[in-house]
Every structure is written in structure tokens, then in C-alpha cells.
Amino acid sequence: MMRIPQILKRLRGSSLGMNRSAATAQAMVMLALCGTLAGCQTTAGGTRSTADSVVSRGEAVAGRCDFLPESQRPAWVTTRPNTDDYIGVGQAGTNESPEMQIRAAEDHARSSLASEVKVKIQEQLTQNLCEGQCGADEQTTIHDKTESKTKQTLKGAKIQHRWLDRGSCMVWVLVTLPRDKVELRRVMMFNQSPPSIEMAGFLLGHLERVLREDLAVVPADVKFAGCALDSASPECQDRGRTIYGALAVALEREAVSSDGQFRQRNFRAKGGLRLQDRQVSSFDVTCKGRAEARADAQTLDRAAAEACRDKVKQTLRQDLELME
């Protein structure tokens, strides 16, 4: 038989267990009611319901979607505009601020434009430098030039329109670039050297190849020969995007070494480039061709032309970069 103290202890334990169960059940009911009726979000200012928070967030989003003038959806959002210009369309969703959202959409539009422009520039350079059959060196030059010229060309792009879709809070941007800004400038080179100076023809060929990295070399037309000296005349101004270049080479000295083993021909090459009414580049260098005494004059002239090219090409490249 159980003793009386043991019975009393069991009764007290059962009573405490029942109290804990009742307390737990009561707490769960209160929590369910609180979540259903109010949300019970306590803030420094008191209790705030979940519904109130959702409404506040909705008001904030709605308030952000009126930062651009309201208008109908423009056609260019879904259809390419009927224009000869290169275009780029970009979009951006909600961001930390309206300003950042607009800037993101503009950046995306410029990236879209850059993709289109880059293809055209690369196509022109490929045709210019190697007529479609490019070696490793030409491909490297074309890649580097395409990147730099695309970046430079995009500076002429203009933002034509911004539109805010208030339903989705999406910003759309249209950017354009005139086609003539993407076309390579033309250059026309004139050899103003005496016909007897064969070296001038070799040098002219070298310089035209250097210019093809940035410009479209076109055949020299005699009626524009004066433009290389004075490009402000009306006939020159009519071709405002054409650069006119001049080259004049003179043989200054020809000699044989004292031991009779070598010959040398010294030349002076002068010239420059003009665009519209200004000179964009000029050079004045001396160079020489040296070979064994039995070598013919053409061998000496080719060597001299290469020496002059090496002196002039860096000047041309730097001046053309500054011109842009």
C-alpha cells in the first residue's frame, strides 16, 4: 500500500502538469488571434498591423513611379524607329533612387548602341587594312582600333527620349547616333614630289597604310589637289568630312663610302593633313637609304622610305587621335 505522503505528492504533480498544459494552450490561442486580427507588430510608437506595412510599401512604390512625365508608350519601345541613325534602346527596373534607375537605363541603351556601332567599325577596318584577309597582326590592330574608335564615336550619341512605364515602374531610354559619325573619314593623299623621286611613291604607300588604321583612303582626284594646301576653298568645303594630305620628297645627297663598298641616298620628306580650314598634322623629316655599292637605286629608295615611315607614323597617329 502507498503511504499518504506519496499520494499527496502525485496529486500535486498532476495538478502542476494540468496547469502548464492549460497555460500553453491559452498562449497559443492568444497568438493565433493576435496574428489573425492585427499582425501585432510592435514599434516604438505602439502596435502596427502587417496590413498597414503593406499599404505603406505600396504607397512608396507608387510614389516613385511618377518621377517622369506621364505619356503613352512610344512606338520605339517595341519597334525599331524608321531612321538611318544607329540606335540603342535600354531599360531598367526600380533602383535605390529614380536617378540611379534612369542612369542604369541610359547605360543599357548605350551598351546596345555600342554593339551595333562596333560591328560597323570593325567591318570598315577589316576592309581597309586587309580586304577581309587578315593575319594575326592585322587582327590585333583591328581589335584594338575597334575598341578605341567605338568608345570615341559613342561620345557623339544623344539621348532622344526617356519613358516611364508607370504600370511596371520600368524606365526606357532611346539613344541615337548619326550614321556619318560611324563612317570612317575619307583621306585623299597627293604626291607633290618631282616625278624622278621614286622614293616618294614608296613612302606614300607606307603612309596610306598607316592612315588606313583610322581613315578610309580614297584615290586622289586632281581637281582637289589644291585642298591639300588650302582646304578652305568652296570645293573643299563641299566635302567637309574628307581630309586632304600632301607629301613632298626631295633627294638631298647621294654618296659612296670612301672605300667604295657602300652607297647612300639622303632624303627630306615634308607633308601634312588638312581638314576643312585647319591643319591637323604636319611632318618634316630626313631619312636615308644605305646598301652595298652594287645595289640599285630602288633598293636604296625602299630602305629610305621605310626609315621615313618609321619617323612619321607616330606623329600621324597622335595627331589623328587629337583631331577626334
C-alpha atoms as a PDB file:
ATOM      1  CA  MET A   1       0.000   0.000   0.000  1.00  0.00           C
ATOM      2  CA  MET A   2       1.082   3.552  -0.823  1.00  0.00           C
ATOM      3  CA  ARG A   3       1.770   5.826   2.045  1.00  0.00           C
ATOM      4  CA  ILE A   4      -0.231   9.058   2.385  1.00  0.00           C
ATOM      5  CA  PRO A   5       2.755  11.435   1.673  1.00  0.00           C
ATOM      6  CA  GLN A   6       3.410   9.674  -1.649  1.00  0.00           C
ATOM      7  CA  ILE A   7      -0.227  10.018  -2.711  1.00  0.00           C
ATOM      8  CA  LEU A   8      -0.244  13.729  -1.917  1.00  0.00           C
ATOM      9  CA  LYS A   9       2.974  14.251  -3.924  1.00  0.00           C
ATOM     10  CA  ARG A  10       1.454  12.557  -7.001  1.00  0.00           C
ATOM     11  CA  LEU A  11      -1.655  14.701  -6.787  1.00  0.00           C
ATOM     12  CA  ARG A  12       0.407  17.889  -6.645  1.00  0.00           C
ATOM     13  CA  GLY A  13       2.467  16.772  -9.730  1.00  0.00           C
ATOM     14  CA  SER A  14      -0.690  16.079 -11.713  1.00  0.00           C
ATOM     15  CA  SER A  15      -2.125  19.456 -10.800  1.00  0.00           C
ATOM     16  CA  LEU A  16       1.034  21.267 -11.963  1.00  0.00           C
ATOM     17  CA  GLY A  17       1.051  19.382 -15.286  1.00  0.00           C
ATOM     18  CA  MET A  18      -2.566  20.333 -15.929  1.00  0.00           C
ATOM     19  CA  ASN A  19      -1.782  23.992 -15.173  1.00  0.00           C
ATOM     20  CA  ARG A  20       1.169  24.012 -17.609  1.00  0.00           C
ATOM     21  CA  SER A  21      -0.941  22.455 -20.391  1.00  0.00           C
ATOM     22  CA  ALA A  22      -3.703  24.966 -19.847  1.00  0.00           C
ATOM     23  CA  ALA A  23      -1.244  27.849 -19.889  1.00  0.00           C
ATOM     24  CA  THR A  24       0.360  26.626 -23.101  1.00  0.00           C
ATOM     25  CA  ALA A  25      -3.000  26.204 -24.833  1.00  0.00           C
ATOM     26  CA  GLN A  26      -4.088  29.691 -23.733  1.00  0.00           C
ATOM     27  CA  ALA A  27      -0.870  31.228 -25.111  1.00  0.00           C
ATOM     28  CA  MET A  28      -1.307  29.515 -28.467  1.00  0.00           C
ATOM     29  CA  VAL A  29      -4.893  30.771 -28.784  1.00  0.00           C
ATOM     30  CA  MET A  30      -3.805  34.330 -27.999  1.00  0.00           C
ATOM     31  CA  LEU A  31      -1.027  34.199 -30.582  1.00  0.00           C
ATOM     32  CA  ALA A  32      -3.380  32.913 -33.268  1.00  0.00           C
ATOM     33  CA  LEU A  33      -5.924  35.634 -32.514  1.00  0.00           C
ATOM     34  CA  CYS A  34      -3.252  38.304 -32.487  1.00  0.00           C
ATOM     35  CA  GLY A  35      -1.830  37.186 -35.865  1.00  0.00           C
ATOM     36  CA  THR A  36      -5.272  36.956 -37.455  1.00  0.00           C
ATOM     37  CA  LEU A  37      -6.726  40.245 -36.240  1.00  0.00           C
ATOM     38  CA  ALA A  38      -3.842  42.670 -36.161  1.00  0.00           C
ATOM     39  CA  GLY A  39      -0.447  41.241 -37.009  1.00  0.00           C
ATOM     40  CA  CYS A  40       0.866  42.527 -33.630  1.00  0.00           C
ATOM     41  CA  GLN A  41       3.935  44.402 -34.961  1.00  0.00           C
ATOM     42  CA  THR A  42       5.172  46.475 -32.113  1.00  0.00           C
ATOM     43  CA  THR A  43       7.146  49.595 -32.852  1.00  0.00           C
ATOM     44  CA  ALA A  44       8.416  52.459 -30.793  1.00  0.00           C
ATOM     45  CA  GLY A  45       5.111  54.181 -31.391  1.00  0.00           C
ATOM     46  CA  GLY A  46       2.882  51.206 -30.469  1.00  0.00           C
ATOM     47  CA  THR A  47       1.323  48.320 -32.358  1.00  0.00           C
ATOM     48  CA  ARG A  48       1.264  48.358 -36.174  1.00  0.00           C
ATOM     49  CA  SER A  49      -0.549  45.768 -38.304  1.00  0.00           C
ATOM     50  CA  THR A  50       1.010  43.864 -41.235  1.00  0.00           C
ATOM     51  CA  ALA A  51      -1.696  45.301 -43.485  1.00  0.00           C
ATOM     52  CA  ASP A  52      -0.545  48.820 -42.605  1.00  0.00           C
ATOM     53  CA  SER A  53       3.034  47.893 -43.587  1.00  0.00           C
ATOM     54  CA  VAL A  54       1.932  46.523 -46.966  1.00  0.00           C
ATOM     55  CA  VAL A  55      -0.068  49.673 -47.693  1.00  0.00           C
ATOM     56  CA  SER A  56       2.906  51.869 -46.792  1.00  0.00           C
ATOM     57  CA  ARG A  57       5.235  49.928 -49.105  1.00  0.00           C
ATOM     58  CA  GLY A  58       2.680  50.159 -51.884  1.00  0.00           C
ATOM     59  CA  GLU A  59       2.435  53.904 -51.429  1.00  0.00           C
ATOM     60  CA  ALA A  60       6.229  54.201 -51.586  1.00  0.00           C
ATOM     61  CA  VAL A  61       6.472  52.265 -54.860  1.00  0.00           C
ATOM     62  CA  ALA A  62       3.571  54.170 -56.363  1.00  0.00           C
ATOM     63  CA  GLY A  63       5.177  57.444 -55.344  1.00  0.00           C
ATOM     64  CA  ARG A  64       8.421  56.532 -57.154  1.00  0.00           C
ATOM     65  CA  CYS A  65       6.622  55.871 -60.425  1.00  0.00           C
ATOM     66  CA  ASP A  66       5.728  59.450 -61.230  1.00  0.00           C
ATOM     67  CA  PHE A  67       9.243  60.893 -61.493  1.00  0.00           C
ATOM     68  CA  LEU A  68       8.977  61.276 -65.290  1.00  0.00           C
ATOM     69  CA  PRO A  69       6.132  62.956 -67.201  1.00  0.00           C
ATOM     70  CA  GLU A  70       3.233  60.633 -67.951  1.00  0.00           C
ATOM     71  CA  SER A  71       2.769  59.719 -71.623  1.00  0.00           C
ATOM     72  CA  GLN A  72       1.607  56.939 -73.897  1.00  0.00           C
ATOM     73  CA  ARG A  73       4.031  54.140 -74.631  1.00  0.00           C
ATOM     74  CA  PRO A  74       6.229  55.268 -77.565  1.00  0.00           C
ATOM     75  CA  ALA A  75       6.483  53.021 -80.611  1.00  0.00           C
ATOM     76  CA  TRP A  76      10.268  52.634 -80.283  1.00  0.00           C
ATOM     77  CA  VAL A  77       9.797  50.532 -77.143  1.00  0.00           C
ATOM     78  CA  THR A  78       8.593  47.628 -79.291  1.00  0.00           C
ATOM     79  CA  THR A  79       9.520  48.620 -82.870  1.00  0.00           C
ATOM     80  CA  ARG A  80      12.756  49.955 -84.360  1.00  0.00           C
ATOM     81  CA  PRO A  81      12.331  53.616 -85.373  1.00  0.00           C
ATOM     82  CA  ASN A  82      12.271  54.451 -89.089  1.00  0.00           C
ATOM     83  CA  THR A  83      15.626  56.229 -89.205  1.00  0.00           C
ATOM     84  CA  ASP A  84      19.045  55.865 -90.815  1.00  0.00           C
ATOM     85  CA  ASP A  85      20.698  56.617 -87.473  1.00  0.00           C
ATOM     86  CA  TYR A  86      22.230  53.928 -85.315  1.00  0.00           C
ATOM     87  CA  ILE A  87      20.040  53.368 -82.253  1.00  0.00           C
ATOM     88  CA  GLY A  88      20.182  51.812 -78.817  1.00  0.00           C
ATOM     89  CA  VAL A  89      17.266  51.035 -76.507  1.00  0.00           C
ATOM     90  CA  GLY A  90      17.769  50.311 -72.816  1.00  0.00           C
ATOM     91  CA  GLN A  91      15.579  49.666 -69.806  1.00  0.00           C
ATOM     92  CA  ALA A  92      15.951  49.419 -66.043  1.00  0.00           C
ATOM     93  CA  GLY A  93      13.674  48.435 -63.181  1.00  0.00           C
ATOM     94  CA  THR A  94      13.320  50.014 -59.742  1.00  0.00           C
ATOM     95  CA  ASN A  95      16.568  51.016 -58.090  1.00  0.00           C
ATOM     96  CA  GLU A  96      17.749  52.785 -54.942  1.00  0.00           C
ATOM     97  CA  SER A  97      16.665  56.120 -56.402  1.00  0.00           C
ATOM     98  CA  PRO A  98      14.971  57.421 -59.575  1.00  0.00           C
ATOM     99  CA  GLU A  99      18.251  58.997 -60.632  1.00  0.00           C
ATOM    100  CA  MET A 100      20.098  55.670 -60.416  1.00  0.00           C
ATOM    101  CA  GLN A 101      17.295  53.917 -62.288  1.00  0.00           C
ATOM    102  CA  ILE A 102      17.417  56.449 -65.143  1.00  0.00           C
ATOM    103  CA  ARG A 103      21.211  56.254 -65.285  1.00  0.00           C
ATOM    104  CA  ALA A 104      21.073  52.448 -65.456  1.00  0.00           C
ATOM    105  CA  ALA A 105      18.593  52.589 -68.357  1.00  0.00           C
ATOM    106  CA  GLU A 106      20.830  55.088 -70.185  1.00  0.00           C
ATOM    107  CA  ASP A 107      23.871  52.858 -69.695  1.00  0.00           C
ATOM    108  CA  HIS A 108      21.979  49.865 -71.079  1.00  0.00           C
ATOM    109  CA  ALA A 109      20.887  51.929 -74.101  1.00  0.00           C
ATOM    110  CA  ARG A 110      24.481  52.987 -74.792  1.00  0.00           C
ATOM    111  CA  SER A 111      25.633  49.370 -74.489  1.00  0.00           C
ATOM    112  CA  SER A 112      23.007  48.352 -77.039  1.00  0.00           C
ATOM    113  CA  LEU A 113      24.145  51.167 -79.340  1.00  0.00           C
ATOM    114  CA  ALA A 114      27.803  50.212 -78.882  1.00  0.00           C
ATOM    115  CA  SER A 115      27.126  46.659 -80.055  1.00  0.00           C
ATOM    116  CA  GLU A 116      25.659  47.948 -83.308  1.00  0.00           C
ATOM    117  CA  VAL A 117      28.353  50.564 -83.890  1.00  0.00           C
ATOM    118  CA  LYS A 118      31.203  48.189 -83.114  1.00  0.00           C
ATOM    119  CA  VAL A 119      30.158  45.786 -85.859  1.00  0.00           C
ATOM    120  CA  LYS A 120      30.249  48.562 -88.463  1.00  0.00           C
ATOM    121  CA  ILE A 121      33.603  49.956 -87.363  1.00  0.00           C
ATOM    122  CA  GLN A 122      35.205  46.510 -87.341  1.00  0.00           C
ATOM    123  CA  GLU A 123      33.812  45.808 -90.799  1.00  0.00           C
ATOM    124  CA  GLN A 124      35.297  49.028 -92.191  1.00  0.00           C
ATOM    125  CA  LEU A 125      38.707  48.487 -90.599  1.00  0.00           C
ATOM    126  CA  THR A 126      38.855  44.904 -91.838  1.00  0.00           C
ATOM    127  CA  GLN A 127      38.165  46.048 -95.372  1.00  0.00           C
ATOM    128  CA  ASN A 128      40.625  48.932 -95.067  1.00  0.00           C
ATOM    129  CA  LEU A 129      43.600  47.060 -93.678  1.00  0.00           C
ATOM    130  CA  CYS A 130      43.476  43.678 -95.314  1.00  0.00           C
ATOM    131  CA  GLU A 131      40.424  43.486 -97.596  1.00  0.00           C
ATOM    132  CA  GLY A 132      38.915  40.751 -95.437  1.00  0.00           C
ATOM    133  CA  GLN A 133      42.027  38.503 -95.393  1.00  0.00           C
ATOM    134  CA  CYS A 134      43.686  39.405 -92.098  1.00  0.00           C
ATOM    135  CA  GLY A 135      46.718  37.886 -90.435  1.00  0.00           C
ATOM    136  CA  ALA A 136      47.329  37.766 -86.695  1.00  0.00           C
ATOM    137  CA  ASP A 137      48.955  41.208 -86.576  1.00  0.00           C
ATOM    138  CA  GLU A 138      46.140  42.831 -88.538  1.00  0.00           C
ATOM    139  CA  GLN A 139      43.516  41.171 -86.344  1.00  0.00           C
ATOM    140  CA  THR A 140      45.176  42.527 -83.207  1.00  0.00           C
ATOM    141  CA  THR A 141      45.312  46.022 -84.710  1.00  0.00           C
ATOM    142  CA  ILE A 142      41.688  45.820 -85.824  1.00  0.00           C
ATOM    143  CA  HIS A 143      40.522  44.668 -82.389  1.00  0.00           C
ATOM    144  CA  ASP A 144      42.365  47.434 -80.555  1.00  0.00           C
ATOM    145  CA  LYS A 145      41.291  50.109 -83.031  1.00  0.00           C
ATOM    146  CA  THR A 146      37.671  48.932 -82.966  1.00  0.00           C
ATOM    147  CA  GLU A 147      37.508  49.228 -79.187  1.00  0.00           C
ATOM    148  CA  SER A 148      39.089  52.687 -79.065  1.00  0.00           C
ATOM    149  CA  LYS A 149      37.138  54.087 -82.028  1.00  0.00           C
ATOM    150  CA  THR A 150      33.826  52.724 -80.706  1.00  0.00           C
ATOM    151  CA  LYS A 151      34.431  54.406 -77.365  1.00  0.00           C
ATOM    152  CA  GLN A 152      35.362  57.670 -79.067  1.00  0.00           C
ATOM    153  CA  THR A 153      32.451  57.530 -81.513  1.00  0.00           C
ATOM    154  CA  LEU A 154      29.863  56.988 -78.763  1.00  0.00           C
ATOM    155  CA  LYS A 155      30.688  60.416 -77.355  1.00  0.00           C
ATOM    156  CA  GLY A 156      28.518  61.783 -80.179  1.00  0.00           C
ATOM    157  CA  ALA A 157      25.469  59.760 -79.093  1.00  0.00           C
ATOM    158  CA  LYS A 158      22.370  61.669 -77.957  1.00  0.00           C
ATOM    159  CA  ILE A 159      19.562  60.634 -75.637  1.00  0.00           C
ATOM    160  CA  GLN A 160      16.423  61.251 -77.655  1.00  0.00           C
ATOM    161  CA  HIS A 161      13.726  60.088 -75.269  1.00  0.00           C
ATOM    162  CA  ARG A 162      13.058  58.690 -71.797  1.00  0.00           C
ATOM    163  CA  TRP A 163       9.779  56.979 -70.935  1.00  0.00           C
ATOM    164  CA  LEU A 164       8.448  55.656 -67.640  1.00  0.00           C
ATOM    165  CA  ASP A 165       6.055  52.713 -67.670  1.00  0.00           C
ATOM    166  CA  ARG A 166       4.073  53.508 -64.540  1.00  0.00           C
ATOM    167  CA  GLY A 167       2.450  50.089 -64.508  1.00  0.00           C
ATOM    168  CA  SER A 168       5.745  48.230 -64.083  1.00  0.00           C
ATOM    169  CA  CYS A 169       7.828  51.200 -62.894  1.00  0.00           C
ATOM    170  CA  MET A 170      10.255  50.461 -65.748  1.00  0.00           C
ATOM    171  CA  VAL A 171      12.319  53.251 -67.321  1.00  0.00           C
ATOM    172  CA  TRP A 172      13.019  53.059 -71.065  1.00  0.00           C
ATOM    173  CA  VAL A 173      15.645  55.139 -72.914  1.00  0.00           C
ATOM    174  CA  LEU A 174      16.276  55.713 -76.635  1.00  0.00           C
ATOM    175  CA  VAL A 175      19.791  56.758 -77.749  1.00  0.00           C
ATOM    176  CA  THR A 176      20.778  57.632 -81.334  1.00  0.00           C
ATOM    177  CA  LEU A 177      23.959  58.303 -83.279  1.00  0.00           C
ATOM    178  CA  PRO A 178      24.063  59.798 -86.809  1.00  0.00           C
ATOM    179  CA  ARG A 179      25.337  57.364 -89.410  1.00  0.00           C
ATOM    180  CA  ASP A 180      28.031  59.742 -90.678  1.00  0.00           C
ATOM    181  CA  LYS A 181      29.595  59.717 -87.208  1.00  0.00           C
ATOM    182  CA  VAL A 182      30.251  55.993 -87.586  1.00  0.00           C
ATOM    183  CA  GLU A 183      31.509  56.068 -91.160  1.00  0.00           C
ATOM    184  CA  LEU A 184      35.285  56.425 -91.311  1.00  0.00           C
ATOM    185  CA  ARG A 185      36.509  59.806 -92.515  1.00  0.00           C
ATOM    186  CA  ARG A 186      37.962  59.784 -96.002  1.00  0.00           C
ATOM    187  CA  VAL A 187      41.527  60.849 -96.747  1.00  0.00           C
ATOM    188  CA  MET A 188      42.954  61.763-100.141  1.00  0.00           C
ATOM    189  CA  MET A 189      46.751  61.865-100.421  1.00  0.00           C
ATOM    190  CA  PHE A 190      48.632  63.847-103.093  1.00  0.00           C
ATOM    191  CA  ASN A 191      52.229  63.210-104.080  1.00  0.00           C
ATOM    192  CA  GLN A 192      53.717  66.631-104.830  1.00  0.00           C
ATOM    193  CA  SER A 193      57.270  65.354-105.365  1.00  0.00           C
ATOM    194  CA  PRO A 194      59.140  65.571-108.690  1.00  0.00           C
ATOM    195  CA  PRO A 195      58.361  62.540-110.898  1.00  0.00           C
ATOM    196  CA  SER A 196      62.016  61.495-110.748  1.00  0.00           C
ATOM    197  CA  ILE A 197      61.836  60.811-106.991  1.00  0.00           C
ATOM    198  CA  GLU A 198      60.716  57.186-106.959  1.00  0.00           C
ATOM    199  CA  MET A 199      61.201  57.010-103.199  1.00  0.00           C
ATOM    200  CA  ALA A 200      58.180  59.329-102.752  1.00  0.00           C
ATOM    201  CA  GLY A 201      55.863  56.708-104.239  1.00  0.00           C
ATOM    202  CA  PHE A 202      57.158  54.066-101.829  1.00  0.00           C
ATOM    203  CA  LEU A 203      56.746  56.409 -98.872  1.00  0.00           C
ATOM    204  CA  LEU A 204      53.243  57.426 -99.939  1.00  0.00           C
ATOM    205  CA  GLY A 205      52.212  53.761 -99.984  1.00  0.00           C
ATOM    206  CA  HIS A 206      53.566  53.279 -96.457  1.00  0.00           C
ATOM    207  CA  LEU A 207      51.791  56.360 -95.131  1.00  0.00           C
ATOM    208  CA  GLU A 208      48.484  55.371 -96.705  1.00  0.00           C
ATOM    209  CA  ARG A 209      48.696  52.030 -94.929  1.00  0.00           C
ATOM    210  CA  VAL A 210      49.255  53.820 -91.613  1.00  0.00           C
ATOM    211  CA  LEU A 211      46.260  56.077 -92.309  1.00  0.00           C
ATOM    212  CA  ARG A 212      44.032  53.073 -93.059  1.00  0.00           C
ATOM    213  CA  GLU A 213      44.091  52.228 -89.371  1.00  0.00           C
ATOM    214  CA  ASP A 214      41.868  55.262 -88.792  1.00  0.00           C
ATOM    215  CA  LEU A 215      40.629  56.528 -92.160  1.00  0.00           C
ATOM    216  CA  ALA A 216      39.247  55.369 -95.481  1.00  0.00           C
ATOM    217  CA  VAL A 217      41.889  56.111 -98.123  1.00  0.00           C
ATOM    218  CA  VAL A 218      40.306  57.130-101.428  1.00  0.00           C
ATOM    219  CA  PRO A 219      42.031  57.692-104.796  1.00  0.00           C
ATOM    220  CA  ALA A 220      43.483  61.153-105.316  1.00  0.00           C
ATOM    221  CA  ASP A 221      41.372  63.335-107.600  1.00  0.00           C
ATOM    222  CA  VAL A 222      43.443  66.016-109.311  1.00  0.00           C
ATOM    223  CA  LYS A 223      40.669  68.592-109.110  1.00  0.00           C
ATOM    224  CA  PHE A 224      41.049  68.550-105.308  1.00  0.00           C
ATOM    225  CA  ALA A 225      44.850  68.770-105.317  1.00  0.00           C
ATOM    226  CA  GLY A 226      44.745  72.369-104.074  1.00  0.00           C
ATOM    227  CA  CYS A 227      42.774  71.282-100.976  1.00  0.00           C
ATOM    228  CA  ALA A 228      45.926  69.747 -99.521  1.00  0.00           C
ATOM    229  CA  LEU A 229      47.368  73.273 -99.279  1.00  0.00           C
ATOM    230  CA  ASP A 230      44.219  75.352 -98.758  1.00  0.00           C
ATOM    231  CA  SER A 231      41.166  73.344 -97.677  1.00  0.00           C
ATOM    232  CA  ALA A 232      39.075  76.471 -97.031  1.00  0.00           C
ATOM    233  CA  SER A 233      38.097  76.860-100.686  1.00  0.00           C
ATOM    234  CA  PRO A 234      34.438  76.112-101.568  1.00  0.00           C
ATOM    235  CA  GLU A 235      35.112  72.889-103.486  1.00  0.00           C
ATOM    236  CA  CYS A 236      36.974  71.540-100.451  1.00  0.00           C
ATOM    237  CA  GLN A 237      34.270  72.599 -98.003  1.00  0.00           C
ATOM    238  CA  ASP A 238      31.658  70.686-100.003  1.00  0.00           C
ATOM    239  CA  ARG A 239      33.433  67.515 -98.921  1.00  0.00           C
ATOM    240  CA  GLY A 240      33.652  68.552 -95.295  1.00  0.00           C
ATOM    241  CA  ARG A 241      34.472  65.120 -93.874  1.00  0.00           C
ATOM    242  CA  THR A 242      37.362  64.488 -96.294  1.00  0.00           C
ATOM    243  CA  ILE A 243      40.929  65.002 -95.146  1.00  0.00           C
ATOM    244  CA  TYR A 244      43.455  66.143 -97.743  1.00  0.00           C
ATOM    245  CA  GLY A 245      47.092  65.155 -97.422  1.00  0.00           C
ATOM    246  CA  ALA A 246      50.251  66.242 -99.198  1.00  0.00           C
ATOM    247  CA  LEU A 247      53.716  64.706 -99.459  1.00  0.00           C
ATOM    248  CA  ALA A 248      56.810  66.293-100.996  1.00  0.00           C
ATOM    249  CA  VAL A 249      60.129  64.426-101.071  1.00  0.00           C
ATOM    250  CA  ALA A 250      63.495  65.788-102.199  1.00  0.00           C
ATOM    251  CA  LEU A 251      66.819  63.995-102.720  1.00  0.00           C
ATOM    252  CA  GLU A 252      69.370  65.978-100.720  1.00  0.00           C
ATOM    253  CA  ARG A 253      72.532  63.922-101.156  1.00  0.00           C
ATOM    254  CA  GLU A 254      73.866  60.768-102.765  1.00  0.00           C
ATOM    255  CA  ALA A 255      77.304  59.415-101.941  1.00  0.00           C
ATOM    256  CA  VAL A 256      79.575  56.383-101.968  1.00  0.00           C
ATOM    257  CA  SER A 257      81.683  55.437 -98.955  1.00  0.00           C
ATOM    258  CA  SER A 258      85.407  56.193 -99.090  1.00  0.00           C
ATOM    259  CA  ASP A 259      86.251  52.528 -99.538  1.00  0.00           C
ATOM    260  CA  GLY A 260      83.730  52.228-102.354  1.00  0.00           C
ATOM    261  CA  GLN A 261      81.758  49.432-100.679  1.00  0.00           C
ATOM    262  CA  PHE A 262      78.519  51.286 -99.807  1.00  0.00           C
ATOM    263  CA  ARG A 263      76.134  53.770-101.367  1.00  0.00           C
ATOM    264  CA  GLN A 264      73.798  56.108 -99.530  1.00  0.00           C
ATOM    265  CA  ARG A 265      70.904  58.365-100.580  1.00  0.00           C
ATOM    266  CA  ASN A 266      69.650  61.056 -98.196  1.00  0.00           C
ATOM    267  CA  PHE A 267      66.085  62.415 -98.496  1.00  0.00           C
ATOM    268  CA  ARG A 268      63.918  65.032 -96.873  1.00  0.00           C
ATOM    269  CA  ALA A 269      60.164  64.411 -96.617  1.00  0.00           C
ATOM    270  CA  LYS A 270      57.650  67.129 -95.773  1.00  0.00           C
ATOM    271  CA  GLY A 271      53.884  66.991 -95.655  1.00  0.00           C
ATOM    272  CA  GLY A 272      50.712  67.168 -93.634  1.00  0.00           C
ATOM    273  CA  LEU A 273      46.964  66.676 -93.402  1.00  0.00           C
ATOM    274  CA  ARG A 274      44.224  69.298 -93.641  1.00  0.00           C
ATOM    275  CA  LEU A 275      40.570  69.081 -92.622  1.00  0.00           C
ATOM    276  CA  GLN A 276      38.252  71.871 -93.697  1.00  0.00           C
ATOM    277  CA  ASP A 277      40.096  75.078 -92.779  1.00  0.00           C
ATOM    278  CA  ARG A 278      42.724  73.738 -90.417  1.00  0.00           C
ATOM    279  CA  GLN A 279      45.877  71.681 -90.474  1.00  0.00           C
ATOM    280  CA  VAL A 280      45.524  68.573 -88.335  1.00  0.00           C
ATOM    281  CA  SER A 281      49.003  67.107 -88.805  1.00  0.00           C
ATOM    282  CA  SER A 282      52.394  68.018 -90.231  1.00  0.00           C
ATOM    283  CA  PHE A 283      55.845  66.449 -90.514  1.00  0.00           C
ATOM    284  CA  ASP A 284      59.309  67.338 -91.754  1.00  0.00           C
ATOM    285  CA  VAL A 285      61.880  64.543 -91.501  1.00  0.00           C
ATOM    286  CA  THR A 286      65.136  63.415 -93.044  1.00  0.00           C
ATOM    287  CA  CYS A 287      65.959  59.809 -93.771  1.00  0.00           C
ATOM    288  CA  LYS A 288      68.461  57.781 -95.691  1.00  0.00           C
ATOM    289  CA  GLY A 289      68.833  54.527 -97.544  1.00  0.00           C
ATOM    290  CA  ARG A 290      72.142  52.674 -97.326  1.00  0.00           C
ATOM    291  CA  ALA A 291      73.203  49.480 -99.091  1.00  0.00           C
ATOM    292  CA  GLU A 292      76.151  47.828-100.789  1.00  0.00           C
ATOM    293  CA  ALA A 293      77.637  49.783-103.677  1.00  0.00           C
ATOM    294  CA  ARG A 294      76.371  47.296-106.226  1.00  0.00           C
ATOM    295  CA  ALA A 295      72.728  47.751-105.034  1.00  0.00           C
ATOM    296  CA  ASP A 296      70.436  49.649-107.386  1.00  0.00           C
ATOM    297  CA  ALA A 297      68.789  52.966-106.577  1.00  0.00           C
ATOM    298  CA  GLN A 298      65.403  51.350-105.994  1.00  0.00           C
ATOM    299  CA  THR A 299      66.807  49.267-103.140  1.00  0.00           C
ATOM    300  CA  LEU A 300      68.180  52.416-101.514  1.00  0.00           C
ATOM    301  CA  ASP A 301      64.889  54.249-102.036  1.00  0.00           C
ATOM    302  CA  ARG A 302      62.857  51.464-100.429  1.00  0.00           C
ATOM    303  CA  ALA A 303      65.114  51.489 -97.392  1.00  0.00           C
ATOM    304  CA  ALA A 304      64.847  55.285 -97.127  1.00  0.00           C
ATOM    305  CA  ALA A 305      61.041  55.136 -97.450  1.00  0.00           C
ATOM    306  CA  GLU A 306      60.829  52.672 -94.563  1.00  0.00           C
ATOM    307  CA  ALA A 307      63.071  54.909 -92.447  1.00  0.00           C
ATOM    308  CA  CYS A 308      60.856  57.942 -93.147  1.00  0.00           C
ATOM    309  CA  ARG A 309      57.699  55.940 -92.440  1.00  0.00           C
ATOM    310  CA  ASP A 310      59.002  54.961 -89.007  1.00  0.00           C
ATOM    311  CA  LYS A 311      59.628  58.608 -88.173  1.00  0.00           C
ATOM    312  CA  VAL A 312      56.289  59.905 -89.464  1.00  0.00           C
ATOM    313  CA  LYS A 313      53.754  57.255 -88.414  1.00  0.00           C
ATOM    314  CA  GLN A 314      53.781  58.060 -84.697  1.00  0.00           C
ATOM    315  CA  THR A 315      53.188  61.741 -85.444  1.00  0.00           C
ATOM    316  CA  LEU A 316      50.249  60.875 -87.696  1.00  0.00           C
ATOM    317  CA  ARG A 317      48.670  58.548 -85.150  1.00  0.00           C
ATOM    318  CA  GLN A 318      48.924  61.032 -82.309  1.00  0.00           C
ATOM    319  CA  ASP A 319      47.597  63.912 -84.404  1.00  0.00           C
ATOM    320  CA  LEU A 320      44.601  61.860 -85.617  1.00  0.00           C
ATOM    321  CA  GLU A 321      43.727  60.945 -82.034  1.00  0.00           C
ATOM    322  CA  LEU A 322      43.759  64.618 -81.067  1.00  0.00           C
ATOM    323  CA  MET A 323      41.663  65.508 -84.106  1.00  0.00           C
ATOM    324  CA  GLU A 324      38.816  63.282 -82.889  1.00  0.00           C
END
